[in-house]
Amino acid sequence: MTTTFDAIIIGTGQAGPSLVKSLTAAGKQVAIIERGLFGGTCVNTGCIPTKTMVASAYAAFQARRAAEFGVTISGPIAVDMKQVKARKDRVSGDSNRSLESSLKSTDNCTIYRGHARFESPNEISIGDARLTAKQIFLNVGCRPAIPDLPGLDQINCLTSSTMMDIDFLPRHLLILGGSYIGLEFGQMFRRFGSEVTIIEKSSSLISREDKDVSAAILTILQKEGINVHLDTKLTSVTQMDGEIHLSNGVHGSHLLCAIGRRPNTDSLGLENTNIQTDSHGYITVDDRLETSSPGIWALGDCNGKGAFTHTAYNDFEIVAANLLNHDNRLVTDRIPAYALFIDPPLGRVGMTEAEVRKTGKPALIAQRPMSRIARAVEKGETEGFIKVLVDKETNLILGASILGTGGDEAIHSILDLMYAKQPYTVIQRAMHIHPTVSELIPTILGDLKDLE
């Protein structure tokens, strides 16, 4: 027997629960399906648990620097990894349980536990259950990608997900991948006390960023004693006498694969629908996130439009606006914005300098090192810099990078101005609070020069 709903949502990641609330509030009968933990990656193995661990690592780092601030700590600084994990589990678990409780108490919402699969374009199976609806929303997320590296299948390779189970300190953590996930775990575990080596096949870390940003991050990590091997392409990995050996001669006790992620679309039964995917398995969507099969939408990481919690939530906003509020919101309306949560963090918005140069259009640029920002000096955290790019003809901000203390927060003053489609002179005339990082943004904009 098939049960009919107005809408079916597959996955309880960032977009799913919010969509449940909006659809049920509009009077629709909704089924939401979850095969794993409520909250998806962000709540269970991503943002919330990792940033909780980053906070523990920061505390250890600052404790070791205590003497710089006139603070005396008797005895060595030690990290109890079991307590680090317990704190992480509490924070993540609270979020997971709160979300589950919220969904279970939502009127007109039926929860199904298990793996969902298309049997036809409008019919979903979960075990023996069969569901159908005129509207289906895919919010199935991604999982860590494992490289095709000879010998890796014989190694107990860690991923960003299984790192959440660690309650011990790896003696020497090898990390494959010098991008966002790899760098966050690398610095985190170095501060916990592990020796850390990062292997990156490109010629720079986080290669999508400008060269000066990548170089500054490399310097920050190396100052903390992290070993970085760039331009390194491995051919094999082996394990001998309890030690993991890489083909470039590096060896260590544990191996983390952080080369990227892949969408959870390969077991959905998409072959039973008209839903199209790209060569990487990401679901193809239009500007309103509808797939090639009418009445089916893809939200979050699985559509390849953004691998972040905030882009997934914005996907929900776009879909809800179009379906329920007759508000023509589009994916192309949003401005790229994200952060790298090492210490100090990198806040990014809009175009990079390299992307601006590729346009060939006249532009302006301004930079200031964090060592010339009072708030950073007061905190003893002067690594990094601020860089802003402006369209010379329109005076609109094209992009910015803030690598430095508070960069993940300060970037929003620029992002909001970009959404308002106002020239940089608006923020230049604003009175900001002292002492903050944001207060120097108007000053920096006063130093704009031609991008040569």
Protein backbone atom coordinates (compact mmCIF):
# COMPACT_ATOMS: atom_id res chain seq x y z
CA MET A 1 0.00 0.00 0.00
CA THR A 2 1.29 3.45 -0.93
CA THR A 3 0.86 6.39 1.45
CA THR A 4 0.24 9.77 -0.17
CA PHE A 5 1.67 13.06 1.14
CA ASP A 6 1.69 16.58 -0.20
CA ALA A 7 5.47 16.64 0.04
CA ILE A 8 8.34 14.25 0.77
CA ILE A 9 11.72 15.46 2.02
CA ILE A 10 14.71 13.11 1.98
CA GLY A 11 17.33 14.11 4.55
CA THR A 12 17.33 16.15 7.76
CA GLY A 13 20.35 18.29 6.96
CA GLN A 14 20.21 22.08 7.13
CA ALA A 15 17.55 22.64 4.45
CA GLY A 16 15.19 19.78 5.34
CA PRO A 17 13.81 20.62 8.81
CA SER A 18 13.31 24.30 7.94
CA LEU A 19 11.38 23.27 4.83
CA VAL A 20 9.23 20.96 6.98
CA LYS A 21 8.28 23.91 9.19
CA SER A 22 7.34 26.10 6.23
CA LEU A 23 5.38 23.43 4.35
CA THR A 24 3.44 22.21 7.39
CA ALA A 25 2.68 25.79 8.40
CA ALA A 26 1.12 26.17 4.94
CA GLY A 27 -1.16 23.23 5.74
CA LYS A 28 0.68 20.55 3.81
CA GLN A 29 1.09 16.94 4.95
CA VAL A 30 4.82 16.23 4.88
CA ALA A 31 6.97 13.11 5.21
CA ILE A 32 10.63 13.50 6.08
CA ILE A 33 13.03 10.58 5.76
CA GLU A 34 16.33 10.12 7.61
CA ARG A 35 18.62 7.08 7.39
CA GLY A 36 21.25 8.31 9.84
CA LEU A 37 21.54 11.02 12.48
CA PHE A 38 19.19 13.98 12.58
CA GLY A 39 20.89 17.16 11.42
CA GLY A 40 23.13 15.73 8.72
CA THR A 41 26.80 16.60 8.37
CA CYS A 42 26.79 20.03 10.02
CA VAL A 43 25.32 18.86 13.31
CA ASN A 44 27.02 15.47 13.60
CA THR A 45 30.37 15.40 11.78
CA GLY A 46 30.85 18.89 10.35
CA CYS A 47 30.47 22.47 11.52
CA ILE A 48 29.25 22.05 15.08
CA PRO A 49 31.54 19.27 16.33
CA THR A 50 34.65 20.45 14.48
CA LYS A 51 34.32 24.06 15.60
CA THR A 52 33.81 22.81 19.15
CA MET A 53 37.11 20.95 18.83
CA VAL A 54 38.75 24.01 17.26
CA ALA A 55 37.75 25.92 20.41
CA SER A 56 39.49 23.30 22.59
CA ALA A 57 42.60 23.52 20.42
CA TYR A 58 42.55 27.32 20.67
CA ALA A 59 42.36 27.09 24.47
CA ALA A 60 45.42 24.82 24.52
CA PHE A 61 47.30 27.14 22.17
CA GLN A 62 46.51 30.23 24.23
CA ALA A 63 47.46 28.45 27.44
CA ARG A 64 50.91 27.75 26.01
CA ARG A 65 51.19 31.47 25.17
CA ALA A 66 50.06 32.58 28.61
CA ALA A 67 53.44 34.06 29.57
CA GLU A 68 53.19 36.50 26.63
CA PHE A 69 50.18 38.04 28.38
CA GLY A 70 51.75 38.13 31.83
CA VAL A 71 49.93 35.01 32.99
CA THR A 72 51.85 32.30 34.82
CA ILE A 73 50.69 28.69 34.63
CA SER A 74 52.46 26.22 36.89
CA GLY A 75 53.34 22.97 35.17
CA PRO A 76 53.06 21.81 31.55
CA ILE A 77 49.94 22.26 29.43
CA ALA A 78 48.21 18.94 28.81
CA VAL A 79 45.25 18.03 26.60
CA ASP A 80 42.84 15.31 27.70
CA MET A 81 41.49 14.02 24.41
CA LYS A 82 38.74 12.03 26.11
CA GLN A 83 37.43 15.24 27.65
CA VAL A 84 37.82 17.10 24.33
CA LYS A 85 35.67 14.44 22.67
CA ALA A 86 33.17 14.41 25.54
CA ARG A 87 32.67 18.18 25.24
CA LYS A 88 32.30 17.88 21.47
CA ASP A 89 29.78 15.07 21.88
CA ARG A 90 27.73 17.13 24.35
CA VAL A 91 27.52 20.16 22.08
CA SER A 92 26.79 18.15 18.94
CA GLY A 93 24.42 15.81 20.75
CA ASP A 94 22.37 18.66 22.18
CA SER A 95 21.86 20.06 18.68
CA ASN A 96 20.99 16.64 17.27
CA ARG A 97 18.45 15.86 20.01
CA SER A 98 16.89 19.32 19.81
CA LEU A 99 16.33 18.96 16.08
CA GLU A 100 14.88 15.46 16.43
CA SER A 101 12.53 16.62 19.17
CA SER A 102 11.43 19.61 17.10
CA LEU A 103 10.56 17.46 14.09
CA LYS A 104 8.72 14.88 16.19
CA SER A 105 6.55 17.60 17.73
CA THR A 106 5.67 19.22 14.38
CA ASP A 107 2.04 18.81 13.37
CA ASN A 108 1.40 17.34 9.90
CA CYS A 109 4.92 15.88 9.80
CA THR A 110 5.56 12.12 9.63
CA ILE A 111 9.10 10.85 10.18
CA TYR A 112 10.40 7.74 8.43
CA ARG A 113 13.71 6.12 9.43
CA GLY A 114 15.65 4.24 6.79
CA HIS A 115 17.20 4.51 3.34
CA ALA A 116 15.04 6.23 0.72
CA ARG A 117 15.05 5.17 -2.91
CA PHE A 118 13.07 6.17 -5.99
CA GLU A 119 10.90 3.42 -7.43
CA SER A 120 9.43 5.82 -10.00
CA PRO A 121 9.57 9.60 -10.53
CA ASN A 122 7.00 10.21 -7.76
CA GLU A 123 7.24 7.10 -5.59
CA ILE A 124 9.76 6.54 -2.79
CA SER A 125 10.50 3.32 -0.93
CA ILE A 126 11.86 3.02 2.62
CA GLY A 127 12.15 -0.67 3.30
CA ASP A 128 8.65 -2.08 2.82
CA ALA A 129 6.98 1.33 2.99
CA ARG A 130 5.92 3.14 -0.18
CA LEU A 131 5.33 6.89 -0.29
CA THR A 132 4.19 9.21 -3.04
CA ALA A 133 3.84 12.98 -3.36
CA LYS A 134 3.51 15.66 -6.00
CA GLN A 135 6.49 17.47 -4.53
CA ILE A 136 9.73 15.74 -3.54
CA PHE A 137 12.77 17.48 -2.06
CA LEU A 138 16.22 15.89 -2.04
CA ASN A 139 18.47 17.03 0.80
CA VAL A 140 20.81 14.05 0.91
CA GLY A 141 24.16 15.79 1.40
CA CYS A 142 27.67 14.50 0.73
CA ARG A 143 30.23 12.16 2.25
CA PRO A 144 34.05 12.16 2.34
CA ALA A 145 35.69 11.16 -0.92
CA ILE A 146 38.39 8.49 -0.80
CA PRO A 147 41.20 8.76 -3.35
CA ASP A 148 42.02 5.92 -5.72
CA LEU A 149 45.48 5.34 -4.26
CA PRO A 150 47.14 1.89 -4.44
CA GLY A 151 47.37 0.34 -0.99
CA LEU A 152 44.86 2.68 0.63
CA ASP A 153 42.26 -0.06 0.87
CA GLN A 154 44.62 -1.93 3.20
CA ILE A 155 44.94 1.06 5.56
CA ASN A 156 42.53 2.18 8.26
CA CYS A 157 42.15 5.58 6.61
CA LEU A 158 40.44 8.24 8.70
CA THR A 159 37.94 10.71 7.24
CA SER A 160 36.38 13.91 8.55
CA SER A 161 33.52 11.71 9.80
CA THR A 162 35.56 9.06 11.60
CA MET A 163 37.81 11.74 13.13
CA MET A 164 34.80 12.48 15.33
CA ASP A 165 35.35 9.11 17.07
CA ILE A 166 38.93 9.81 18.12
CA ASP A 167 39.48 10.12 21.86
CA PHE A 168 43.28 9.76 21.74
CA LEU A 169 46.18 11.77 20.41
CA PRO A 170 47.71 10.46 17.15
CA ARG A 171 51.49 10.48 17.46
CA HIS A 172 51.96 11.66 13.86
CA LEU A 173 48.90 12.53 11.79
CA LEU A 174 49.38 12.42 8.02
CA ILE A 175 46.78 14.41 6.08
CA LEU A 176 46.07 13.94 2.39
CA GLY A 177 44.69 17.26 1.14
CA GLY A 178 45.68 20.83 1.87
CA SER A 179 42.30 22.47 1.59
CA TYR A 180 39.68 23.60 4.12
CA ILE A 181 39.00 20.32 5.94
CA GLY A 182 42.61 19.19 5.98
CA LEU A 183 43.93 22.52 7.27
CA GLU A 184 41.37 22.77 10.07
CA PHE A 185 42.13 19.26 11.33
CA GLY A 186 45.85 19.78 10.83
CA GLN A 187 46.13 22.87 12.99
CA MET A 188 43.66 21.47 15.51
CA PHE A 189 45.64 18.28 16.14
CA ARG A 190 48.97 20.06 16.08
CA ARG A 191 47.68 22.22 18.92
CA PHE A 192 46.45 19.12 20.74
CA GLY A 193 50.03 17.84 20.57
CA SER A 194 50.32 15.61 17.49
CA GLU A 195 53.04 15.87 14.91
CA VAL A 196 51.24 16.79 11.69
CA THR A 197 52.23 16.48 8.03
CA ILE A 198 49.99 17.77 5.23
CA ILE A 199 50.37 16.42 1.69
CA GLU A 200 48.92 18.55 -1.11
CA LYS A 201 49.15 17.72 -4.83
CA SER A 202 48.77 21.36 -5.94
CA SER A 203 51.51 23.97 -5.80
CA SER A 204 49.70 25.89 -3.03
CA LEU A 205 47.35 25.28 -0.13
CA ILE A 206 43.63 25.98 -0.70
CA SER A 207 44.40 26.57 -4.36
CA ARG A 208 41.09 28.32 -5.09
CA GLU A 209 42.34 31.29 -3.04
CA ASP A 210 44.73 34.02 -4.15
CA LYS A 211 48.42 33.18 -3.96
CA ASP A 212 49.10 35.75 -1.23
CA VAL A 213 46.32 34.30 0.92
CA SER A 214 47.60 30.76 0.42
CA ALA A 215 51.18 31.81 1.16
CA ALA A 216 50.16 33.59 4.36
CA ILE A 217 48.25 30.53 5.57
CA LEU A 218 51.24 28.32 4.79
CA THR A 219 53.44 30.57 6.93
CA ILE A 220 50.94 30.50 9.80
CA LEU A 221 50.82 26.71 9.81
CA GLN A 222 54.57 26.26 9.46
CA LYS A 223 55.18 28.60 12.41
CA GLU A 224 53.18 26.17 14.51
CA GLY A 225 55.41 23.30 13.44
CA ILE A 226 53.15 21.72 10.82
CA ASN A 227 55.02 19.99 7.99
CA VAL A 228 53.63 20.81 4.54
CA HIS A 229 54.54 19.05 1.29
CA LEU A 230 53.23 20.87 -1.78
CA ASP A 231 53.21 19.72 -5.39
CA THR A 232 53.29 16.14 -4.15
CA LYS A 233 51.52 13.39 -6.06
CA LEU A 234 51.49 10.09 -4.21
CA THR A 235 51.63 6.77 -6.03
CA SER A 236 51.04 4.38 -3.13
CA VAL A 237 50.59 3.92 0.59
CA THR A 238 51.71 0.96 2.69
CA GLN A 239 51.64 -0.07 6.33
CA MET A 240 54.57 -1.81 7.99
CA ASP A 241 55.13 -2.52 11.67
CA GLY A 242 52.23 -0.30 12.65
CA GLU A 243 53.56 2.68 10.65
CA ILE A 244 51.91 4.18 7.57
CA HIS A 245 54.35 4.91 4.75
CA LEU A 246 53.63 7.21 1.82
CA SER A 247 55.39 6.95 -1.53
CA ASN A 248 57.14 10.30 -1.03
CA GLY A 249 59.08 8.90 1.95
CA VAL A 250 56.92 10.41 4.68
CA HIS A 251 55.58 8.07 7.36
CA GLY A 252 53.34 8.46 10.39
CA SER A 253 51.01 6.73 12.81
CA HIS A 254 47.61 7.74 11.35
CA LEU A 255 46.28 8.88 7.97
CA LEU A 256 43.42 11.31 7.34
CA CYS A 257 41.98 11.54 3.82
CA ALA A 258 40.69 15.08 3.27
CA ILE A 259 40.70 15.41 -0.51
CA GLY A 260 37.08 16.51 -0.85
CA ARG A 261 33.53 15.18 -0.76
CA ARG A 262 31.13 13.32 -3.04
CA PRO A 263 27.31 13.56 -3.21
CA ASN A 264 25.07 10.87 -1.69
CA THR A 265 23.17 10.41 -4.95
CA ASP A 266 24.50 7.06 -6.16
CA SER A 267 22.06 4.92 -4.14
CA LEU A 268 18.88 7.01 -4.54
CA GLY A 269 17.56 5.08 -7.52
CA LEU A 270 17.83 8.11 -9.78
CA GLU A 271 17.87 5.76 -12.75
CA ASN A 272 14.14 5.30 -12.09
CA THR A 273 13.53 9.00 -12.63
CA ASN A 274 14.34 11.69 -15.20
CA ILE A 275 16.71 13.43 -12.77
CA GLN A 276 20.00 14.36 -14.40
CA THR A 277 23.37 14.53 -12.65
CA ASP A 278 26.75 15.90 -13.70
CA SER A 279 29.93 13.85 -14.12
CA HIS A 280 30.60 13.99 -10.37
CA GLY A 281 27.13 12.82 -9.36
CA TYR A 282 25.76 16.22 -8.34
CA ILE A 283 22.11 16.73 -9.21
CA THR A 284 21.53 19.26 -11.97
CA VAL A 285 19.12 22.04 -10.95
CA ASP A 286 17.78 25.26 -12.40
CA ASP A 287 17.96 28.70 -10.82
CA ARG A 288 15.07 27.81 -8.47
CA LEU A 289 16.67 24.46 -7.55
CA GLU A 290 14.18 22.30 -9.45
CA THR A 291 15.68 19.24 -11.10
CA SER A 292 15.18 18.06 -14.67
CA SER A 293 12.22 16.05 -13.35
CA PRO A 294 9.30 18.44 -12.68
CA GLY A 295 8.11 18.45 -9.07
CA ILE A 296 11.47 17.35 -7.64
CA TRP A 297 13.96 19.78 -6.10
CA ALA A 298 17.53 19.27 -4.85
CA LEU A 299 18.83 21.31 -1.92
CA GLY A 300 22.12 21.48 -0.07
CA ASP A 301 25.43 19.87 -0.92
CA CYS A 302 23.96 17.33 -3.36
CA ASN A 303 23.19 20.00 -5.99
CA GLY A 304 26.78 21.21 -6.26
CA LYS A 305 25.75 24.86 -5.79
CA GLY A 306 27.61 25.28 -2.52
CA ALA A 307 29.21 22.93 -0.01
CA PHE A 308 28.24 24.91 3.08
CA THR A 309 25.56 24.90 5.74
CA HIS A 310 24.68 28.50 4.93
CA THR A 311 24.22 27.74 1.23
CA ALA A 312 21.99 24.79 2.14
CA TYR A 313 19.86 27.03 4.33
CA ASN A 314 19.71 29.60 1.56
CA ASP A 315 18.53 26.82 -0.76
CA PHE A 316 15.61 26.29 1.61
CA GLU A 317 14.88 30.02 1.55
CA ILE A 318 14.89 30.07 -2.26
CA VAL A 319 12.59 27.05 -2.60
CA ALA A 320 10.18 28.22 0.11
CA ALA A 321 10.05 31.74 -1.32
CA ASN A 322 9.17 30.51 -4.80
CA LEU A 323 6.67 27.81 -3.79
CA LEU A 324 4.93 29.45 -0.86
CA ASN A 325 5.44 33.20 -1.06
CA HIS A 326 5.46 33.85 -4.83
CA ASP A 327 8.83 35.53 -4.31
CA ASN A 328 11.12 34.99 -7.29
CA ARG A 329 14.36 34.26 -5.44
CA LEU A 330 17.19 32.71 -7.48
CA VAL A 331 20.42 30.87 -6.79
CA THR A 332 22.25 33.36 -8.99
CA ASP A 333 21.17 36.17 -6.66
CA ARG A 334 23.52 35.04 -3.93
CA ILE A 335 27.09 36.17 -3.49
CA PRO A 336 29.77 33.56 -2.74
CA ALA A 337 30.72 33.78 0.94
CA TYR A 338 32.51 31.32 3.19
CA ALA A 339 35.21 30.95 5.82
CA LEU A 340 38.21 28.79 6.63
CA PHE A 341 38.16 28.15 10.37
CA ILE A 342 41.82 27.86 11.13
CA ASP A 343 43.25 30.36 13.63
CA PRO A 344 43.25 33.09 12.55
CA PRO A 345 40.22 32.49 10.34
CA LEU A 346 39.80 33.48 6.73
CA GLY A 347 36.58 35.25 5.78
CA ARG A 348 35.90 35.37 2.04
CA VAL A 349 33.27 37.07 -0.07
CA GLY A 350 32.81 37.61 -3.80
CA MET A 351 35.63 37.39 -6.33
CA THR A 352 39.29 36.71 -5.68
CA GLU A 353 41.97 39.04 -7.04
CA ALA A 354 42.81 36.43 -9.67
CA GLU A 355 39.18 36.28 -10.80
CA VAL A 356 38.97 40.07 -11.02
CA ARG A 357 42.12 40.18 -13.13
CA LYS A 358 40.68 37.59 -15.52
CA THR A 359 37.73 39.88 -16.28
CA GLY A 360 40.11 42.49 -17.68
CA LYS A 361 37.93 45.26 -16.29
CA PRO A 362 39.41 48.29 -14.49
CA ALA A 363 39.51 47.65 -10.75
CA LEU A 364 40.86 49.06 -7.50
CA ILE A 365 42.59 47.24 -4.66
CA ALA A 366 43.50 48.04 -1.06
CA GLN A 367 45.32 45.98 1.57
CA ARG A 368 46.35 46.30 5.20
CA PRO A 369 48.25 43.84 7.39
CA MET A 370 46.62 42.81 10.66
CA SER A 371 49.74 44.11 12.41
CA ARG A 372 48.39 47.61 11.62
CA ILE A 373 44.99 46.94 13.22
CA ALA A 374 44.82 47.89 16.89
CA ARG A 375 42.41 45.13 17.92
CA ALA A 376 44.73 42.46 16.51
CA VAL A 377 47.74 43.99 18.27
CA GLU A 378 45.88 44.17 21.59
CA LYS A 379 44.95 40.50 21.33
CA GLY A 380 48.47 39.49 20.30
CA GLU A 381 47.07 38.00 17.08
CA THR A 382 48.66 39.94 14.22
CA GLU A 383 48.94 37.25 11.53
CA GLY A 384 47.19 37.89 8.22
CA PHE A 385 45.80 40.84 6.29
CA ILE A 386 42.69 42.42 4.78
CA LYS A 387 42.26 42.82 1.02
CA VAL A 388 39.36 44.50 -0.78
CA LEU A 389 38.69 44.75 -4.54
CA VAL A 390 36.43 47.38 -6.12
CA ASP A 391 35.01 47.97 -9.60
CA LYS A 392 36.66 51.20 -10.73
CA GLU A 393 33.71 52.26 -12.89
CA THR A 394 30.80 51.54 -10.53
CA ASN A 395 32.57 51.77 -7.13
CA LEU A 396 30.86 48.49 -6.18
CA ILE A 397 32.88 46.04 -4.09
CA LEU A 398 33.80 42.96 -6.12
CA GLY A 399 35.30 40.82 -3.38
CA ALA A 400 37.32 40.71 -0.20
CA SER A 401 39.53 38.45 1.89
CA ILE A 402 40.00 38.95 5.62
CA LEU A 403 42.64 36.61 7.00
CA GLY A 404 43.02 37.48 10.64
CA THR A 405 41.44 37.56 14.06
CA GLY A 406 37.71 38.16 13.70
CA GLY A 407 37.89 37.82 9.92
CA ASP A 408 34.98 35.39 9.83
CA GLU A 409 32.76 38.04 11.46
CA ALA A 410 34.16 41.28 10.01
CA ILE A 411 33.65 40.04 6.44
CA HIS A 412 29.88 40.45 6.86
CA SER A 413 30.05 44.24 6.86
CA ILE A 414 31.39 43.97 3.30
CA LEU A 415 28.98 41.18 2.33
CA ASP A 416 25.94 43.20 3.44
CA LEU A 417 27.07 46.23 1.43
CA MET A 418 27.46 44.02 -1.64
CA TYR A 419 23.91 42.68 -1.23
CA ALA A 420 22.66 46.24 -0.89
CA LYS A 421 24.36 47.00 -4.22
CA GLN A 422 25.78 50.20 -2.77
CA PRO A 423 29.19 51.74 -3.60
CA TYR A 424 32.11 51.36 -1.21
CA THR A 425 31.79 55.04 -0.31
CA VAL A 426 28.72 54.18 1.83
CA ILE A 427 30.75 52.08 4.26
CA GLN A 428 33.65 54.50 3.99
CA ARG A 429 31.43 57.19 5.55
CA ALA A 430 30.19 54.92 8.34
CA MET A 431 31.30 55.35 11.96
CA HIS A 432 32.46 51.97 13.25
CA ILE A 433 33.08 50.93 16.84
CA HIS A 434 36.60 51.12 18.28
CA PRO A 435 38.55 48.94 18.88
CA THR A 436 37.42 46.32 16.37
CA VAL A 437 38.69 44.76 13.17
CA SER A 438 35.68 46.09 11.26
CA GLU A 439 36.50 49.71 12.11
CA LEU A 440 39.51 49.61 9.78
CA ILE A 441 37.48 48.66 6.71
CA PRO A 442 36.49 52.29 5.93
CA THR A 443 40.13 53.31 6.43
CA ILE A 444 41.36 50.59 4.10
CA LEU A 445 38.90 51.73 1.43
CA GLY A 446 40.51 55.14 1.62
CA ASP A 447 43.73 53.54 0.36
CA LEU A 448 42.35 52.10 -2.89
CA LYS A 449 44.76 52.04 -5.81
CA ASP A 450 44.59 50.83 -9.38
CA LEU A 451 44.87 47.09 -9.78
CA GLU A 452 47.81 46.85 -12.13
